[in-house]
């Protein structure tokens, strides 16, 4: 019998791709998993140094990360203004 309930505890799991320009957040909500996905147009998400496989951050730090901040340096990404998608 499996007693490991962490994926179902409401904990958010955050992943990024190798290029560091996309981020996925996965969590369990009542009856299924929810996935949040964000792709940056020009910048990169700042991530822990190599060798650090797991990092626990606060909800506030996660908000900063999603808003484009380098949570280590507290420096935001540039705000981009586009006129069209073509």
PDB file of N, CA and C in Angstrom:
ATOM      1  N   UNK A   1       0.843  -1.175   0.000  1.00  0.00           N
ATOM      2  CA  UNK A   1       0.000   0.000   0.000  1.00  0.00           C
ATOM      3  C   UNK A   1       0.890   1.240   0.000  1.00  0.00           C
ATOM      4  N   UNK A   2       0.568   2.198  -0.845  1.00  0.00           N
ATOM      5  CA  UNK A   2       1.345   3.435  -0.965  1.00  0.00           C
ATOM      6  C   UNK A   2       0.789   4.478  -0.005  1.00  0.00           C
ATOM      7  N   UNK A   3       1.644   5.020   0.848  1.00  0.00           N
ATOM      8  CA  UNK A   3       1.225   6.044   1.803  1.00  0.00           C
ATOM      9  C   UNK A   3       1.725   7.421   1.409  1.00  0.00           C
ATOM     10  N   UNK A   4       2.363   7.535   0.259  1.00  0.00           N
ATOM     11  CA  UNK A   4       2.916   8.805  -0.181  1.00  0.00           C
ATOM     12  C   UNK A   4       1.802   9.649  -0.804  1.00  0.00           C
ATOM     13  N   UNK A   5       1.320  10.661  -0.080  1.00  0.00           N
ATOM     14  CA  UNK A   5       0.218  11.488  -0.567  1.00  0.00           C
ATOM     15  C   UNK A   5       0.678  12.873  -0.998  1.00  0.00           C
ATOM     16  N   UNK A   6       1.947  13.128  -1.077  1.00  0.00           N
ATOM     17  CA  UNK A   6       2.443  14.466  -1.413  1.00  0.00           C
ATOM     18  C   UNK A   6       1.862  15.037  -2.701  1.00  0.00           C
ATOM     19  N   UNK A   7       1.768  14.292  -3.799  1.00  0.00           N
ATOM     20  CA  UNK A   7       1.194  14.895  -5.006  1.00  0.00           C
ATOM     21  C   UNK A   7      -0.254  15.354  -4.820  1.00  0.00           C
ATOM     22  N   UNK A   8      -0.934  14.833  -3.814  1.00  0.00           N
ATOM     23  CA  UNK A   8      -2.335  15.162  -3.589  1.00  0.00           C
ATOM     24  C   UNK A   8      -2.534  16.106  -2.409  1.00  0.00           C
ATOM     25  N   UNK A   9      -1.449  16.703  -1.912  1.00  0.00           N
ATOM     26  CA  UNK A   9      -1.500  17.516  -0.702  1.00  0.00           C
ATOM     27  C   UNK A   9      -1.747  18.995  -0.963  1.00  0.00           C
ATOM     28  N   UNK A  10      -1.832  19.412  -2.227  1.00  0.00           N
ATOM     29  CA  UNK A  10      -1.974  20.831  -2.535  1.00  0.00           C
ATOM     30  C   UNK A  10      -0.639  21.502  -2.818  1.00  0.00           C
ATOM     31  N   UNK A  11       0.447  20.743  -2.701  1.00  0.00           N
ATOM     32  CA  UNK A  11       1.769  21.268  -3.008  1.00  0.00           C
ATOM     33  C   UNK A  11       1.877  21.560  -4.499  1.00  0.00           C
ATOM     34  N   UNK A  12       2.497  22.677  -4.855  1.00  0.00           N
ATOM     35  CA  UNK A  12       2.732  23.023  -6.248  1.00  0.00           C
ATOM     36  C   UNK A  12       4.111  22.525  -6.647  1.00  0.00           C
ATOM     37  N   UNK A  13       4.195  21.884  -7.800  1.00  0.00           N
ATOM     38  CA  UNK A  13       5.462  21.404  -8.346  1.00  0.00           C
ATOM     39  C   UNK A  13       5.781  22.244  -9.568  1.00  0.00           C
ATOM     40  N   UNK A  14       6.956  22.880  -9.561  1.00  0.00           N
ATOM     41  CA  UNK A  14       7.336  23.819 -10.609  1.00  0.00           C
ATOM     42  C   UNK A  14       8.496  23.235 -11.397  1.00  0.00           C
ATOM     43  N   UNK A  15       8.367  23.249 -12.725  1.00  0.00           N
ATOM     44  CA  UNK A  15       9.395  22.726 -13.624  1.00  0.00           C
ATOM     45  C   UNK A  15       9.675  23.760 -14.705  1.00  0.00           C
ATOM     46  N   UNK A  16      10.883  23.755 -15.225  1.00  0.00           N
ATOM     47  CA  UNK A  16      11.205  24.600 -16.368  1.00  0.00           C
ATOM     48  C   UNK A  16      11.909  23.764 -17.416  1.00  0.00           C
ATOM     49  N   UNK A  17      11.884  24.243 -18.665  1.00  0.00           N
ATOM     50  CA  UNK A  17      12.558  23.510 -19.728  1.00  0.00           C
ATOM     51  C   UNK A  17      14.050  23.848 -19.735  1.00  0.00           C
ATOM     52  N   UNK A  18      14.823  23.142 -20.560  1.00  0.00           N
ATOM     53  CA  UNK A  18      16.277  23.355 -20.592  1.00  0.00           C
ATOM     54  C   UNK A  18      16.659  24.744 -21.049  1.00  0.00           C
ATOM     55  N   UNK A  19      15.866  25.329 -21.937  1.00  0.00           N
ATOM     56  CA  UNK A  19      16.167  26.673 -22.431  1.00  0.00           C
ATOM     57  C   UNK A  19      15.798  27.758 -21.410  1.00  0.00           C
ATOM     58  N   UNK A  20      15.123  27.382 -20.330  1.00  0.00           N
ATOM     59  CA  UNK A  20      14.713  28.273 -19.243  1.00  0.00           C
ATOM     60  C   UNK A  20      13.730  29.360 -19.665  1.00  0.00           C
ATOM     61  N   UNK A  21      13.020  29.158 -20.775  1.00  0.00           N
ATOM     62  CA  UNK A  21      12.055  30.162 -21.209  1.00  0.00           C
ATOM     63  C   UNK A  21      10.600  29.712 -21.020  1.00  0.00           C
ATOM     64  N   UNK A  22      10.406  28.517 -20.503  1.00  0.00           N
ATOM     65  CA  UNK A  22       9.064  27.996 -20.252  1.00  0.00           C
ATOM     66  C   UNK A  22       9.011  27.405 -18.848  1.00  0.00           C
ATOM     67  N   UNK A  23       7.870  27.533 -18.225  1.00  0.00           N
ATOM     68  CA  UNK A  23       7.695  27.012 -16.872  1.00  0.00           C
ATOM     69  C   UNK A  23       6.333  26.331 -16.791  1.00  0.00           C
ATOM     70  N   UNK A  24       6.282  25.215 -16.061  1.00  0.00           N
ATOM     71  CA  UNK A  24       5.030  24.494 -15.815  1.00  0.00           C
ATOM     72  C   UNK A  24       4.874  24.333 -14.308  1.00  0.00           C
ATOM     73  N   UNK A  25       3.650  24.506 -13.851  1.00  0.00           N
ATOM     74  CA  UNK A  25       3.317  24.289 -12.443  1.00  0.00           C
ATOM     75  C   UNK A  25       2.184  23.273 -12.421  1.00  0.00           C
ATOM     76  N   UNK A  26       2.358  22.211 -11.650  1.00  0.00           N
ATOM     77  CA  UNK A  26       1.364  21.140 -11.565  1.00  0.00           C
ATOM     78  C   UNK A  26       0.939  20.991 -10.106  1.00  0.00           C
ATOM     79  N   UNK A  27      -0.373  20.866  -9.900  1.00  0.00           N
ATOM     80  CA  UNK A  27      -0.891  20.607  -8.554  1.00  0.00           C
ATOM     81  C   UNK A  27      -2.222  19.881  -8.654  1.00  0.00           C
ATOM     82  N   UNK A  28      -2.592  19.217  -7.564  1.00  0.00           N
ATOM     83  CA  UNK A  28      -3.839  18.457  -7.486  1.00  0.00           C
ATOM     84  C   UNK A  28      -4.933  19.371  -6.949  1.00  0.00           C
ATOM     85  N   UNK A  29      -6.107  19.335  -7.591  1.00  0.00           N
ATOM     86  CA  UNK A  29      -7.236  20.125  -7.126  1.00  0.00           C
ATOM     87  C   UNK A  29      -8.487  19.261  -7.125  1.00  0.00           C
ATOM     88  N   UNK A  30      -8.880  18.800  -5.973  1.00  0.00           N
ATOM     89  CA  UNK A  30     -10.109  18.030  -5.734  1.00  0.00           C
ATOM     90  C   UNK A  30     -10.206  16.710  -6.498  1.00  0.00           C
ATOM     91  N   UNK A  31     -10.281  16.745  -7.814  1.00  0.00           N
ATOM     92  CA  UNK A  31     -10.520  15.524  -8.567  1.00  0.00           C
ATOM     93  C   UNK A  31      -9.639  15.395  -9.809  1.00  0.00           C
ATOM     94  N   UNK A  32      -8.572  16.164  -9.866  1.00  0.00           N
ATOM     95  CA  UNK A  32      -7.668  16.069 -11.011  1.00  0.00           C
ATOM     96  C   UNK A  32      -6.504  17.037 -10.887  1.00  0.00           C
ATOM     97  N   UNK A  33      -5.530  16.830 -11.739  1.00  0.00           N
ATOM     98  CA  UNK A  33      -4.359  17.698 -11.738  1.00  0.00           C
ATOM     99  C   UNK A  33      -4.622  18.946 -12.570  1.00  0.00           C
ATOM    100  N   UNK A  34      -4.056  20.054 -12.130  1.00  0.00           N
ATOM    101  CA  UNK A  34      -4.123  21.325 -12.838  1.00  0.00           C
ATOM    102  C   UNK A  34      -2.710  21.662 -13.282  1.00  0.00           C
ATOM    103  N   UNK A  35      -2.566  22.154 -14.534  1.00  0.00           N
ATOM    104  CA  UNK A  35      -1.250  22.557 -15.009  1.00  0.00           C
ATOM    105  C   UNK A  35      -1.316  24.008 -15.481  1.00  0.00           C
ATOM    106  N   UNK A  36      -0.414  24.818 -14.936  1.00  0.00           N
ATOM    107  CA  UNK A  36      -0.237  26.205 -15.342  1.00  0.00           C
ATOM    108  C   UNK A  36       1.021  26.240 -16.191  1.00  0.00           C
ATOM    109  N   UNK A  37       0.969  26.950 -17.330  1.00  0.00           N
ATOM    110  CA  UNK A  37       2.092  26.974 -18.268  1.00  0.00           C
ATOM    111  C   UNK A  37       2.364  28.413 -18.663  1.00  0.00           C
ATOM    112  N   UNK A  38       3.629  28.813 -18.618  1.00  0.00           N
ATOM    113  CA  UNK A  38       4.001  30.160 -19.034  1.00  0.00           C
ATOM    114  C   UNK A  38       5.243  30.076 -19.901  1.00  0.00           C
ATOM    115  N   UNK A  39       5.207  30.796 -21.016  1.00  0.00           N
ATOM    116  CA  UNK A  39       6.330  30.836 -21.954  1.00  0.00           C
ATOM    117  C   UNK A  39       6.763  32.286 -22.117  1.00  0.00           C
ATOM    118  N   UNK A  40       8.029  32.564 -21.877  1.00  0.00           N
ATOM    119  CA  UNK A  40       8.558  33.916 -22.037  1.00  0.00           C
ATOM    120  C   UNK A  40       8.951  34.150 -23.488  1.00  0.00           C
ATOM    121  N   UNK A  41       8.670  35.327 -24.000  1.00  0.00           N
ATOM    122  CA  UNK A  41       8.961  35.650 -25.396  1.00  0.00           C
ATOM    123  C   UNK A  41      10.448  35.884 -25.635  1.00  0.00           C
ATOM    124  N   UNK A  42      11.126  36.555 -24.707  1.00  0.00           N
ATOM    125  CA  UNK A  42      12.525  36.907 -24.949  1.00  0.00           C
ATOM    126  C   UNK A  42      13.459  36.647 -23.768  1.00  0.00           C
ATOM    127  N   UNK A  43      12.940  36.627 -22.579  1.00  0.00           N
ATOM    128  CA  UNK A  43      13.778  36.474 -21.387  1.00  0.00           C
ATOM    129  C   UNK A  43      13.878  35.005 -20.982  1.00  0.00           C
ATOM    130  N   UNK A  44      14.550  34.750 -19.863  1.00  0.00           N
ATOM    131  CA  UNK A  44      14.678  33.405 -19.309  1.00  0.00           C
ATOM    132  C   UNK A  44      14.335  33.450 -17.828  1.00  0.00           C
ATOM    133  N   UNK A  45      13.752  32.349 -17.344  1.00  0.00           N
ATOM    134  CA  UNK A  45      13.522  32.221 -15.910  1.00  0.00           C
ATOM    135  C   UNK A  45      14.850  31.931 -15.233  1.00  0.00           C
ATOM    136  N   UNK A  46      15.099  32.565 -14.113  1.00  0.00           N
ATOM    137  CA  UNK A  46      16.306  32.289 -13.323  1.00  0.00           C
ATOM    138  C   UNK A  46      16.035  31.071 -12.473  1.00  0.00           C
ATOM    139  N   UNK A  47      16.954  30.131 -12.441  1.00  0.00           N
ATOM    140  CA  UNK A  47      16.748  28.859 -11.766  1.00  0.00           C
ATOM    141  C   UNK A  47      17.921  28.582 -10.843  1.00  0.00           C
ATOM    142  N   UNK A  48      17.791  27.664  -9.889  1.00  0.00           N
ATOM    143  CA  UNK A  48      18.917  27.347  -8.998  1.00  0.00           C
ATOM    144  C   UNK A  48      20.151  26.910  -9.778  1.00  0.00           C
ATOM    145  N   UNK A  49      21.294  27.105  -9.163  1.00  0.00           N
ATOM    146  CA  UNK A  49      22.548  26.686  -9.780  1.00  0.00           C
ATOM    147  C   UNK A  49      22.543  25.185 -10.013  1.00  0.00           C
ATOM    148  N   UNK A  50      23.329  24.733 -10.990  1.00  0.00           N
ATOM    149  CA  UNK A  50      23.439  23.301 -11.266  1.00  0.00           C
ATOM    150  C   UNK A  50      23.845  22.552 -10.011  1.00  0.00           C
ATOM    151  N   UNK A  51      23.311  21.384  -9.845  1.00  0.00           N
ATOM    152  CA  UNK A  51      23.597  20.585  -8.657  1.00  0.00           C
ATOM    153  C   UNK A  51      22.486  20.697  -7.628  1.00  0.00           C
ATOM    154  N   UNK A  52      21.717  21.771  -7.677  1.00  0.00           N
ATOM    155  CA  UNK A  52      20.571  21.923  -6.787  1.00  0.00           C
ATOM    156  C   UNK A  52      19.357  21.338  -7.498  1.00  0.00           C
ATOM    157  N   UNK A  53      18.882  20.196  -7.033  1.00  0.00           N
ATOM    158  CA  UNK A  53      17.772  19.530  -7.701  1.00  0.00           C
ATOM    159  C   UNK A  53      16.415  19.952  -7.149  1.00  0.00           C
ATOM    160  N   UNK A  54      16.369  20.362  -5.894  1.00  0.00           N
ATOM    161  CA  UNK A  54      15.102  20.705  -5.262  1.00  0.00           C
ATOM    162  C   UNK A  54      15.268  22.010  -4.508  1.00  0.00           C
ATOM    163  N   UNK A  55      14.326  22.897  -4.709  1.00  0.00           N
ATOM    164  CA  UNK A  55      14.344  24.178  -4.021  1.00  0.00           C
ATOM    165  C   UNK A  55      12.941  24.450  -3.515  1.00  0.00           C
ATOM    166  N   UNK A  56      12.808  24.772  -2.258  1.00  0.00           N
ATOM    167  CA  UNK A  56      11.521  25.135  -1.692  1.00  0.00           C
ATOM    168  C   UNK A  56      11.449  26.650  -1.631  1.00  0.00           C
ATOM    169  N   UNK A  57      10.379  27.206  -2.213  1.00  0.00           N
ATOM    170  CA  UNK A  57      10.203  28.658  -2.190  1.00  0.00           C
ATOM    171  C   UNK A  57       8.833  28.982  -1.621  1.00  0.00           C
ATOM    172  N   UNK A  58       8.663  30.226  -1.215  1.00  0.00           N
ATOM    173  CA  UNK A  58       7.381  30.666  -0.657  1.00  0.00           C
ATOM    174  C   UNK A  58       6.419  31.008  -1.790  1.00  0.00           C
ATOM    175  N   UNK A  59       5.157  31.155  -1.447  1.00  0.00           N
ATOM    176  CA  UNK A  59       4.170  31.591  -2.422  1.00  0.00           C
ATOM    177  C   UNK A  59       4.511  32.955  -2.992  1.00  0.00           C
ATOM    178  N   UNK A  60       5.032  33.826  -2.147  1.00  0.00           N
ATOM    179  CA  UNK A  60       5.431  35.166  -2.597  1.00  0.00           C
ATOM    180  C   UNK A  60       6.573  35.081  -3.610  1.00  0.00           C
ATOM    181  N   UNK A  61       7.559  34.222  -3.350  1.00  0.00           N
ATOM    182  CA  UNK A  61       8.675  34.046  -4.283  1.00  0.00           C
ATOM    183  C   UNK A  61       8.201  33.454  -5.603  1.00  0.00           C
ATOM    184  N   UNK A  62       7.230  32.536  -5.566  1.00  0.00           N
ATOM    185  CA  UNK A  62       6.671  31.976  -6.789  1.00  0.00           C
ATOM    186  C   UNK A  62       5.987  33.073  -7.603  1.00  0.00           C
ATOM    187  N   UNK A  63       5.244  33.938  -6.941  1.00  0.00           N
ATOM    188  CA  UNK A  63       4.612  35.066  -7.640  1.00  0.00           C
ATOM    189  C   UNK A  63       5.658  35.953  -8.292  1.00  0.00           C
ATOM    190  N   UNK A  64       6.742  36.216  -7.580  1.00  0.00           N
ATOM    191  CA  UNK A  64       7.827  37.030  -8.147  1.00  0.00           C
ATOM    192  C   UNK A  64       8.410  36.351  -9.378  1.00  0.00           C
ATOM    193  N   UNK A  65       8.641  35.039  -9.289  1.00  0.00           N
ATOM    194  CA  UNK A  65       9.194  34.279 -10.411  1.00  0.00           C
ATOM    195  C   UNK A  65       8.275  34.370 -11.630  1.00  0.00           C
ATOM    196  N   UNK A  66       6.979  34.193 -11.416  1.00  0.00           N
ATOM    197  CA  UNK A  66       6.020  34.256 -12.517  1.00  0.00           C
ATOM    198  C   UNK A  66       5.874  35.668 -13.070  1.00  0.00           C
ATOM    199  N   UNK A  67       6.100  36.674 -12.235  1.00  0.00           N
ATOM    200  CA  UNK A  67       6.046  38.062 -12.691  1.00  0.00           C
ATOM    201  C   UNK A  67       7.314  38.473 -13.431  1.00  0.00           C
ATOM    202  N   UNK A  68       8.306  37.579 -13.470  1.00  0.00           N
ATOM    203  CA  UNK A  68       9.515  37.860 -14.227  1.00  0.00           C
ATOM    204  C   UNK A  68      10.706  38.284 -13.407  1.00  0.00           C
ATOM    205  N   UNK A  69      10.655  38.090 -12.110  1.00  0.00           N
ATOM    206  CA  UNK A  69      11.780  38.479 -11.273  1.00  0.00           C
ATOM    207  C   UNK A  69      12.796  37.356 -11.153  1.00  0.00           C
ATOM    208  N   UNK A  70      14.044  37.731 -11.130  1.00  0.00           N
ATOM    209  CA  UNK A  70      15.113  36.832 -10.717  1.00  0.00           C
ATOM    210  C   UNK A  70      15.039  36.847  -9.193  1.00  0.00           C
ATOM    211  N   UNK A  71      14.498  35.778  -8.593  1.00  0.00           N
ATOM    212  CA  UNK A  71      14.248  35.815  -7.147  1.00  0.00           C
ATOM    213  C   UNK A  71      15.530  35.884  -6.328  1.00  0.00           C
ATOM    214  N   UNK A  72      16.664  35.542  -6.933  1.00  0.00           N
ATOM    215  CA  UNK A  72      17.936  35.669  -6.221  1.00  0.00           C
ATOM    216  C   UNK A  72      18.406  37.118  -6.222  1.00  0.00           C
ATOM    217  N   UNK A  73      18.196  37.840  -7.320  1.00  0.00           N
ATOM    218  CA  UNK A  73      18.682  39.216  -7.451  1.00  0.00           C
ATOM    219  C   UNK A  73      17.565  40.248  -7.293  1.00  0.00           C
ATOM    220  N   UNK A  74      16.291  39.785  -7.278  1.00  0.00           N
ATOM    221  CA  UNK A  74      15.125  40.670  -7.230  1.00  0.00           C
ATOM    222  C   UNK A  74      15.158  41.698  -8.370  1.00  0.00           C
ATOM    223  N   UNK A  75      15.499  41.219  -9.562  1.00  0.00           N
ATOM    224  CA  UNK A  75      15.540  42.064 -10.746  1.00  0.00           C
ATOM    225  C   UNK A  75      14.511  41.530 -11.746  1.00  0.00           C
ATOM    226  N   UNK A  76      13.558  42.379 -12.188  1.00  0.00           N
ATOM    227  CA  UNK A  76      12.507  41.890 -13.092  1.00  0.00           C
ATOM    228  C   UNK A  76      12.984  41.778 -14.542  1.00  0.00           C
ATOM    229  N   UNK A  77      12.237  40.990 -15.324  1.00  0.00           N
ATOM    230  CA  UNK A  77      12.446  40.951 -16.766  1.00  0.00           C
ATOM    231  C   UNK A  77      11.925  42.256 -17.371  1.00  0.00           C
ATOM    232  N   UNK A  78      12.334  42.537 -18.598  1.00  0.00           N
ATOM    233  CA  UNK A  78      11.816  43.710 -19.307  1.00  0.00           C
ATOM    234  C   UNK A  78      10.338  43.489 -19.617  1.00  0.00           C
ATOM    235  N   UNK A  79       9.572  44.558 -19.588  1.00  0.00           N
ATOM    236  CA  UNK A  79       8.188  44.508 -20.044  1.00  0.00           C
ATOM    237  C   UNK A  79       8.198  44.709 -21.540  1.00  0.00           C
ATOM    238  N   UNK A  80       7.555  43.816 -22.270  1.00  0.00           N
ATOM    239  CA  UNK A  80       7.552  43.874 -23.733  1.00  0.00           C
ATOM    240  C   UNK A  80       6.230  44.450 -24.219  1.00  0.00           C
ATOM    241  N   UNK A  81       6.281  45.284 -25.239  1.00  0.00           N
ATOM    242  CA  UNK A  81       5.099  45.873 -25.856  1.00  0.00           C
ATOM    243  C   UNK A  81       5.076  45.480 -27.325  1.00  0.00           C
ATOM    244  N   UNK A  82       4.054  44.731 -27.748  1.00  0.00           N
ATOM    245  CA  UNK A  82       3.911  44.313 -29.131  1.00  0.00           C
ATOM    246  C   UNK A  82       2.663  44.964 -29.731  1.00  0.00           C
ATOM    247  N   UNK A  83       2.737  45.269 -31.008  1.00  0.00           N
ATOM    248  CA  UNK A  83       1.600  45.856 -31.714  1.00  0.00           C
ATOM    249  C   UNK A  83       0.772  44.796 -32.440  1.00  0.00           C
ATOM    250  N   UNK A  84       1.421  43.698 -32.884  1.00  0.00           N
ATOM    251  CA  UNK A  84       0.693  42.646 -33.580  1.00  0.00           C
ATOM    252  C   UNK A  84       1.415  41.323 -33.417  1.00  0.00           C
ATOM    253  N   UNK A  85       0.759  40.232 -33.812  1.00  0.00           N
ATOM    254  CA  UNK A  85       1.354  38.909 -33.708  1.00  0.00           C
ATOM    255  C   UNK A  85       1.896  38.425 -35.035  1.00  0.00           C
ATOM    256  N   UNK A  86       1.750  39.189 -36.092  1.00  0.00           N
ATOM    257  CA  UNK A  86       2.235  38.786 -37.423  1.00  0.00           C
ATOM    258  C   UNK A  86       3.644  39.274 -37.681  1.00  0.00           C
TER     259      UNK A  86
END
